[in-house]
Structure formats: C-alpha cells, structure tokens
Amino acid sequence: MAFEIVKSLAIPAMTRSAGTREAKYPCADMEVDDAFVEANVVQGDKVASRLQAAITAWRKRNGGKDAPKFSVRRFTPEGAEAESVGVWRVA
C-alpha cells in the first residue's frame, strides 16, 4: 500500500449525518400559542410521556435553557369520546 504525503492540505469541515433526518414533530416551526395535537389516543399517559421526552430532547439539541418552551397536556375535546394529547409552545 502506498501513501502520498501532501503538504498544506486543508481539513474539510465535519458533517453530521444525524441532522439529515426530517423532524417527527413540528417544534421548530411553531410560534408562541401554536399547538399540535395527537388525537384519539388509547393510553394518554404513555403518549404524554413520549411527547414530553421528545420535547425535552429537542430543547437540549436546540439551545437548552434558551430554547423555546413547551407544555404537554392531556385532555378530552368537547363531543369526543377518546382522549387527546396536545403540545403548546408557551414561550
């Protein structure tokens, strides 16, 4: 195997393959007072926990304490029989 020594070769910028996947939840696109809802859930406590964990991870990746703040709530819409889980951007 032959190697060639090259002088003054610039180091290319690092690339992250993790950032190429499309986001599952629209956190980055939300304005204050916007919300998204997962409707007709069977186990509201598990869905709320999953969404809260996803929001916490997103905030850590996007500024930590300076990242937008969200609130996750379980509720039953008027006239609906099944529970829903909503995520609101509060700040």
C-alpha atoms as a PDB file:
ATOM      1  CA  MET A   1       0.000   0.000   0.000  1.00  0.00           C
ATOM      2  CA  ALA A   2       1.451   3.342  -0.991  1.00  0.00           C
ATOM      3  CA  PHE A   3       0.696   6.593   0.783  1.00  0.00           C
ATOM      4  CA  GLU A   4       1.337  10.054  -0.541  1.00  0.00           C
ATOM      5  CA  ILE A   5       2.334  12.877   1.790  1.00  0.00           C
ATOM      6  CA  VAL A   6       0.573  16.132   0.870  1.00  0.00           C
ATOM      7  CA  LYS A   7       1.688  19.495   2.264  1.00  0.00           C
ATOM      8  CA  SER A   8      -0.817  22.226   3.249  1.00  0.00           C
ATOM      9  CA  LEU A   9      -3.962  20.209   2.606  1.00  0.00           C
ATOM     10  CA  ALA A  10      -6.997  21.909   4.178  1.00  0.00           C
ATOM     11  CA  ILE A  11      -9.076  19.825   6.575  1.00  0.00           C
ATOM     12  CA  PRO A  12     -12.664  19.526   5.301  1.00  0.00           C
ATOM     13  CA  ALA A  13     -15.497  20.604   7.586  1.00  0.00           C
ATOM     14  CA  MET A  14     -17.128  17.877   9.670  1.00  0.00           C
ATOM     15  CA  THR A  15     -20.540  16.691   8.587  1.00  0.00           C
ATOM     16  CA  ARG A  16     -23.223  15.204  10.797  1.00  0.00           C
ATOM     17  CA  SER A  17     -25.457  12.579   9.329  1.00  0.00           C
ATOM     18  CA  ALA A  18     -27.810  12.823  12.330  1.00  0.00           C
ATOM     19  CA  GLY A  19     -29.120  16.198  11.203  1.00  0.00           C
ATOM     20  CA  THR A  20     -30.334  14.965   7.839  1.00  0.00           C
ATOM     21  CA  ARG A  21     -33.471  13.217   9.083  1.00  0.00           C
ATOM     22  CA  GLU A  22     -36.760  15.091   8.928  1.00  0.00           C
ATOM     23  CA  ALA A  23     -38.212  16.065  12.304  1.00  0.00           C
ATOM     24  CA  LYS A  24     -41.088  13.951  13.616  1.00  0.00           C
ATOM     25  CA  TYR A  25     -42.732  16.843  15.490  1.00  0.00           C
ATOM     26  CA  PRO A  26     -43.071  20.460  14.227  1.00  0.00           C
ATOM     27  CA  CYS A  27     -41.344  22.140  17.211  1.00  0.00           C
ATOM     28  CA  ALA A  28     -39.038  24.319  15.102  1.00  0.00           C
ATOM     29  CA  ASP A  29     -41.945  25.665  13.018  1.00  0.00           C
ATOM     30  CA  MET A  30     -44.170  26.657  15.938  1.00  0.00           C
ATOM     31  CA  GLU A  31     -44.833  30.228  17.084  1.00  0.00           C
ATOM     32  CA  VAL A  32     -45.897  31.176  20.619  1.00  0.00           C
ATOM     33  CA  ASP A  33     -49.504  29.974  21.276  1.00  0.00           C
ATOM     34  CA  ASP A  34     -49.339  27.389  18.444  1.00  0.00           C
ATOM     35  CA  ALA A  35     -50.180  23.779  19.281  1.00  0.00           C
ATOM     36  CA  PHE A  36     -50.203  20.342  17.740  1.00  0.00           C
ATOM     37  CA  VAL A  37     -52.478  17.537  18.908  1.00  0.00           C
ATOM     38  CA  GLU A  38     -52.286  13.763  18.808  1.00  0.00           C
ATOM     39  CA  ALA A  39     -55.975  12.836  18.819  1.00  0.00           C
ATOM     40  CA  ASN A  40     -57.856   9.694  19.836  1.00  0.00           C
ATOM     41  CA  VAL A  41     -55.080   8.145  21.897  1.00  0.00           C
ATOM     42  CA  VAL A  42     -55.630   4.916  23.826  1.00  0.00           C
ATOM     43  CA  GLN A  43     -53.038   5.386  26.577  1.00  0.00           C
ATOM     44  CA  GLY A  44     -52.853   9.117  27.189  1.00  0.00           C
ATOM     45  CA  ASP A  45     -50.284   8.854  29.961  1.00  0.00           C
ATOM     46  CA  LYS A  46     -47.820   6.985  27.717  1.00  0.00           C
ATOM     47  CA  VAL A  47     -48.359   9.335  24.780  1.00  0.00           C
ATOM     48  CA  ALA A  48     -47.900  12.396  27.010  1.00  0.00           C
ATOM     49  CA  SER A  49     -44.702  10.897  28.446  1.00  0.00           C
ATOM     50  CA  ARG A  50     -43.351  10.145  24.950  1.00  0.00           C
ATOM     51  CA  LEU A  51     -44.127  13.655  23.733  1.00  0.00           C
ATOM     52  CA  GLN A  52     -42.582  15.254  26.831  1.00  0.00           C
ATOM     53  CA  ALA A  53     -39.395  13.225  26.349  1.00  0.00           C
ATOM     54  CA  ALA A  54     -39.237  14.209  22.671  1.00  0.00           C
ATOM     55  CA  ILE A  55     -39.730  17.905  23.523  1.00  0.00           C
ATOM     56  CA  THR A  56     -37.041  17.761  26.227  1.00  0.00           C
ATOM     57  CA  ALA A  57     -34.575  16.144  23.804  1.00  0.00           C
ATOM     58  CA  TRP A  58     -35.403  18.711  21.107  1.00  0.00           C
ATOM     59  CA  ARG A  59     -34.817  21.592  23.563  1.00  0.00           C
ATOM     60  CA  LYS A  60     -31.431  20.151  24.595  1.00  0.00           C
ATOM     61  CA  ARG A  61     -30.371  19.949  20.933  1.00  0.00           C
ATOM     62  CA  ASN A  62     -31.629  23.466  20.170  1.00  0.00           C
ATOM     63  CA  GLY A  63     -30.304  25.807  22.820  1.00  0.00           C
ATOM     64  CA  GLY A  64     -31.056  24.257  26.206  1.00  0.00           C
ATOM     65  CA  LYS A  65     -32.380  26.914  28.583  1.00  0.00           C
ATOM     66  CA  ASP A  66     -32.607  29.451  25.737  1.00  0.00           C
ATOM     67  CA  ALA A  67     -34.711  27.157  23.528  1.00  0.00           C
ATOM     68  CA  PRO A  68     -38.468  27.697  23.119  1.00  0.00           C
ATOM     69  CA  LYS A  69     -40.624  26.351  25.953  1.00  0.00           C
ATOM     70  CA  PHE A  70     -43.500  23.910  25.516  1.00  0.00           C
ATOM     71  CA  SER A  71     -46.333  22.489  27.613  1.00  0.00           C
ATOM     72  CA  VAL A  72     -47.766  18.975  27.165  1.00  0.00           C
ATOM     73  CA  ARG A  73     -51.362  18.364  28.347  1.00  0.00           C
ATOM     74  CA  ARG A  74     -53.861  15.512  28.203  1.00  0.00           C
ATOM     75  CA  PHE A  75     -57.470  16.480  27.514  1.00  0.00           C
ATOM     76  CA  THR A  76     -60.757  15.219  26.112  1.00  0.00           C
ATOM     77  CA  PRO A  77     -62.169  17.533  23.441  1.00  0.00           C
ATOM     78  CA  GLU A  78     -65.836  18.517  23.649  1.00  0.00           C
ATOM     79  CA  GLY A  79     -68.017  15.909  21.996  1.00  0.00           C
ATOM     80  CA  ALA A  80     -65.177  13.379  21.718  1.00  0.00           C
ATOM     81  CA  GLU A  81     -65.067  10.048  23.477  1.00  0.00           C
ATOM     82  CA  ALA A  82     -61.316   9.469  23.226  1.00  0.00           C
ATOM     83  CA  GLU A  83     -58.583  11.397  24.970  1.00  0.00           C
ATOM     84  CA  SER A  84     -56.115  13.633  23.100  1.00  0.00           C
ATOM     85  CA  VAL A  85     -52.659  14.918  23.967  1.00  0.00           C
ATOM     86  CA  GLY A  86     -51.606  18.412  22.923  1.00  0.00           C
ATOM     87  CA  VAL A  87     -48.293  20.281  22.869  1.00  0.00           C
ATOM     88  CA  TRP A  88     -48.380  24.082  23.131  1.00  0.00           C
ATOM     89  CA  ARG A  89     -45.489  26.466  22.630  1.00  0.00           C
ATOM     90  CA  VAL A  90     -45.680  28.829  25.611  1.00  0.00           C
ATOM     91  CA  ALA A  91     -42.527  30.944  25.198  1.00  0.00           C
END
